[in-house]
N, C-alpha and C. Protein backbone atom coordinates (compact mmCIF):
# COMPACT_ATOMS: atom_id res chain seq x y z
N MET A 1 6.87 12.65 6.86
CA MET A 1 7.19 11.86 5.94
C MET A 1 7.46 10.41 6.40
N ASP A 2 6.77 9.44 5.77
CA ASP A 2 6.83 8.06 6.29
C ASP A 2 8.29 7.44 5.84
N PHE A 3 8.56 6.23 6.58
CA PHE A 3 9.68 5.62 6.25
C PHE A 3 9.87 5.14 4.67
N VAL A 4 8.76 4.79 4.21
CA VAL A 4 8.70 4.16 2.95
C VAL A 4 9.14 5.23 1.86
N HIS A 5 8.91 6.53 2.07
CA HIS A 5 9.33 7.53 1.05
C HIS A 5 10.63 7.72 0.83
N TYR A 6 11.45 7.17 1.84
CA TYR A 6 12.90 7.42 1.71
C TYR A 6 13.52 6.40 0.82
N PHE A 7 12.87 5.35 0.49
CA PHE A 7 13.45 4.34 -0.38
C PHE A 7 12.68 3.70 -1.41
N GLN A 8 11.18 4.30 -1.62
CA GLN A 8 10.28 3.69 -2.51
C GLN A 8 10.77 3.83 -4.02
N TYR A 9 11.65 4.79 -4.28
CA TYR A 9 12.11 4.90 -5.53
C TYR A 9 13.33 4.24 -5.94
N LEU A 10 14.26 3.88 -5.04
CA LEU A 10 15.37 3.11 -5.24
C LEU A 10 15.30 1.95 -6.30
N PRO A 11 14.33 1.11 -6.38
CA PRO A 11 14.21 0.17 -7.50
C PRO A 11 14.00 0.83 -8.69
N LEU A 12 13.40 1.99 -8.86
CA LEU A 12 13.33 2.52 -10.21
C LEU A 12 14.62 3.08 -10.71
N GLY A 13 15.62 3.22 -9.67
CA GLY A 13 16.97 3.64 -10.14
C GLY A 13 17.83 2.47 -10.56
N LEU A 14 17.55 1.28 -10.03
CA LEU A 14 18.27 0.09 -10.14
C LEU A 14 18.02 -0.50 -11.71
N PHE A 15 16.87 -0.17 -12.22
CA PHE A 15 16.39 -0.54 -13.53
C PHE A 15 17.20 -0.14 -14.69
N PRO A 16 17.51 1.42 -14.66
CA PRO A 16 18.40 1.85 -15.78
C PRO A 16 19.93 1.42 -15.57
N LEU A 17 20.26 1.38 -14.19
CA LEU A 17 21.72 0.71 -14.07
C LEU A 17 21.67 -0.34 -14.56
N ALA A 18 20.77 -1.45 -14.38
CA ALA A 18 20.95 -2.76 -14.95
C ALA A 18 21.04 -2.89 -16.30
N LEU A 19 20.44 -2.00 -16.97
CA LEU A 19 20.50 -1.79 -18.52
C LEU A 19 21.86 -1.42 -18.86
N ILE A 20 22.36 -0.45 -18.32
CA ILE A 20 23.73 0.24 -18.57
C ILE A 20 24.81 -1.01 -18.26
N GLY A 21 24.47 -1.78 -17.25
CA GLY A 21 25.69 -2.57 -16.68
C GLY A 21 25.57 -3.99 -17.43
N ARG A 22 24.76 -4.26 -18.45
CA ARG A 22 24.55 -5.37 -19.25
C ARG A 22 24.26 -6.75 -18.24
N VAL A 23 23.22 -6.36 -17.23
CA VAL A 23 22.86 -7.41 -16.37
C VAL A 23 21.97 -8.48 -17.09
N PRO A 24 22.08 -9.74 -16.69
CA PRO A 24 20.97 -10.67 -17.49
C PRO A 24 19.54 -10.24 -17.16
N ARG A 25 18.74 -10.77 -17.95
CA ARG A 25 17.34 -10.23 -18.14
C ARG A 25 16.56 -10.36 -16.76
N GLY A 26 16.72 -11.62 -16.12
CA GLY A 26 16.19 -11.84 -15.02
C GLY A 26 16.33 -10.79 -13.75
N LEU A 27 17.52 -10.37 -13.66
CA LEU A 27 17.87 -9.38 -12.74
C LEU A 27 17.41 -7.88 -13.22
N LYS A 28 17.08 -7.90 -14.41
CA LYS A 28 16.71 -6.50 -14.91
C LYS A 28 15.35 -6.47 -14.40
N LEU A 29 14.55 -7.27 -14.59
CA LEU A 29 13.08 -7.34 -14.07
C LEU A 29 12.71 -7.23 -12.75
N LEU A 30 13.59 -7.84 -11.85
CA LEU A 30 13.44 -8.06 -10.45
C LEU A 30 13.10 -6.62 -9.76
N PRO A 31 13.85 -5.52 -10.12
CA PRO A 31 13.55 -4.17 -9.65
C PRO A 31 12.07 -3.62 -10.05
N VAL A 32 11.85 -3.93 -11.10
CA VAL A 32 10.50 -3.48 -11.64
C VAL A 32 9.28 -4.28 -10.71
N GLY A 33 9.55 -5.66 -10.68
CA GLY A 33 8.56 -6.31 -9.67
C GLY A 33 8.75 -5.73 -8.23
N LEU A 34 9.69 -5.26 -7.79
CA LEU A 34 9.81 -4.69 -6.63
C LEU A 34 8.87 -3.22 -6.45
N VAL A 35 9.01 -2.54 -7.47
CA VAL A 35 8.28 -1.43 -7.57
C VAL A 35 6.64 -1.75 -7.44
N LEU A 36 6.43 -2.70 -8.37
CA LEU A 36 5.02 -3.12 -8.27
C LEU A 36 4.64 -3.70 -6.88
N LEU A 37 5.40 -4.40 -6.02
CA LEU A 37 4.99 -4.85 -4.86
C LEU A 37 4.96 -3.64 -3.78
N ILE A 38 5.68 -2.69 -4.10
CA ILE A 38 5.63 -1.46 -3.34
C ILE A 38 4.35 -0.71 -3.44
N GLU A 39 3.84 -0.65 -4.70
CA GLU A 39 2.51 -0.17 -5.05
C GLU A 39 1.38 -1.09 -4.40
N VAL A 40 1.69 -2.30 -4.32
CA VAL A 40 0.67 -3.08 -3.85
C VAL A 40 0.66 -2.88 -2.35
N GLN A 41 1.49 -2.57 -1.67
CA GLN A 41 1.73 -2.07 -0.29
C GLN A 41 0.90 -1.06 0.02
N TYR A 42 0.97 0.23 -0.91
CA TYR A 42 0.14 1.39 -0.81
C TYR A 42 -1.22 1.05 -0.98
N VAL A 43 -1.72 0.18 -1.97
CA VAL A 43 -3.15 -0.15 -2.20
C VAL A 43 -3.74 -0.76 -1.07
N THR A 44 -3.03 -1.82 -0.52
CA THR A 44 -3.58 -2.63 0.59
C THR A 44 -3.63 -1.83 1.87
N SER A 45 -2.77 -0.76 2.04
CA SER A 45 -2.94 -0.13 3.31
C SER A 45 -3.83 1.17 3.38
N GLU A 46 -3.96 1.83 2.13
CA GLU A 46 -4.59 2.90 2.01
C GLU A 46 -6.09 2.71 1.52
N LEU A 47 -6.35 2.09 0.44
CA LEU A 47 -7.64 2.04 -0.30
C LEU A 47 -8.67 1.18 0.20
N PHE A 48 -8.42 0.00 0.70
CA PHE A 48 -9.26 -0.93 1.13
C PHE A 48 -9.47 -1.17 2.34
N GLY A 49 -10.55 -1.92 2.78
CA GLY A 49 -10.78 -2.10 4.25
C GLY A 49 -9.76 -3.45 4.76
N SER A 50 -10.17 -3.75 5.90
CA SER A 50 -9.50 -4.79 6.61
C SER A 50 -9.40 -6.08 5.97
N LEU A 51 -10.34 -6.49 5.03
CA LEU A 51 -10.04 -7.76 4.42
C LEU A 51 -9.00 -7.86 3.39
N VAL A 52 -8.82 -6.79 2.58
CA VAL A 52 -7.77 -6.66 1.68
C VAL A 52 -6.59 -6.35 2.36
N GLY A 53 -6.70 -5.53 3.55
CA GLY A 53 -5.63 -5.10 4.38
C GLY A 53 -4.76 -6.12 4.94
N ALA A 54 -5.46 -7.30 5.22
CA ALA A 54 -4.76 -8.62 5.62
C ALA A 54 -3.64 -8.95 4.67
N ILE A 55 -3.69 -8.66 3.33
CA ILE A 55 -2.68 -9.12 2.41
C ILE A 55 -1.38 -8.05 2.73
N HIS A 56 -1.50 -7.22 3.30
CA HIS A 56 -0.53 -6.05 3.57
C HIS A 56 0.80 -6.75 4.14
N PRO A 57 0.77 -7.59 5.41
CA PRO A 57 1.88 -8.18 5.83
C PRO A 57 2.55 -9.19 4.92
N VAL A 58 1.58 -9.80 4.12
CA VAL A 58 2.08 -10.77 3.32
C VAL A 58 2.87 -10.53 2.02
N SER A 59 2.46 -9.28 1.73
CA SER A 59 3.23 -8.65 0.52
C SER A 59 4.52 -7.87 0.98
N ALA A 60 4.51 -7.53 2.40
CA ALA A 60 5.82 -7.07 2.97
C ALA A 60 6.82 -8.22 3.06
N PHE A 61 6.47 -9.47 3.32
CA PHE A 61 7.18 -10.46 3.26
C PHE A 61 7.58 -10.83 1.91
N ILE A 62 6.67 -10.76 0.90
CA ILE A 62 7.25 -10.98 -0.51
C ILE A 62 8.21 -10.03 -0.90
N ILE A 63 8.01 -8.79 -0.38
CA ILE A 63 9.07 -7.65 -0.92
C ILE A 63 10.39 -7.97 -0.23
N LEU A 64 10.24 -8.34 1.04
CA LEU A 64 11.71 -8.77 1.75
C LEU A 64 12.25 -9.97 0.92
N TRP A 65 11.52 -10.91 0.63
CA TRP A 65 12.04 -12.08 -0.22
C TRP A 65 12.74 -11.68 -1.46
N THR A 66 11.94 -11.01 -2.24
CA THR A 66 12.26 -10.64 -3.52
C THR A 66 13.58 -9.69 -3.34
N ALA A 67 13.75 -8.91 -2.31
CA ALA A 67 15.06 -7.95 -2.48
C ALA A 67 16.02 -8.93 -1.90
N MET A 68 15.80 -9.91 -1.06
CA MET A 68 16.96 -10.86 -0.85
C MET A 68 17.28 -11.70 -2.10
N HIS A 69 16.29 -12.10 -2.64
CA HIS A 69 16.59 -13.09 -4.07
C HIS A 69 17.43 -12.10 -4.81
N THR A 70 17.11 -11.01 -5.23
CA THR A 70 17.59 -10.08 -6.13
C THR A 70 19.11 -9.88 -5.67
N THR A 71 19.28 -9.53 -4.36
CA THR A 71 20.81 -9.42 -3.96
C THR A 71 21.60 -10.59 -4.00
N ARG A 72 20.93 -11.74 -3.81
CA ARG A 72 21.73 -12.87 -3.81
C ARG A 72 22.07 -13.28 -5.41
N ARG A 73 21.12 -13.14 -6.24
CA ARG A 73 21.45 -13.50 -7.70
C ARG A 73 22.36 -12.44 -8.14
N ALA A 74 22.24 -11.19 -7.76
CA ALA A 74 23.23 -10.11 -8.24
C ALA A 74 24.87 -10.38 -7.69
N TRP A 75 24.85 -11.12 -6.58
CA TRP A 75 26.07 -11.19 -5.88
C TRP A 75 26.64 -12.49 -6.38
N ASP A 76 25.88 -13.56 -6.85
CA ASP A 76 26.43 -14.50 -7.49
C ASP A 76 26.64 -14.35 -8.89
N ASN A 77 26.18 -13.33 -9.48
CA ASN A 77 26.47 -13.03 -10.99
C ASN A 77 27.81 -12.28 -10.99
N THR A 78 28.49 -11.71 -10.05
CA THR A 78 29.44 -10.93 -10.27
C THR A 78 30.95 -11.86 -10.31
């Protein structure tokens, strides 16, 4: 089992918790964006050749930035 399989569904759990916790709309949608970015990681690493595979590290950086941005906004919102 790969490393990503341990936490790939974590953002899916964050979305219902955000709905229950009355979080602002922007913070509700960021976990959904993280799920989509993780799917982009799968697509760029498995399905296409090296040309599209070059996007793989860029999307990894975007995932990192989005996770940090989500955490910072959630922290400032409390």
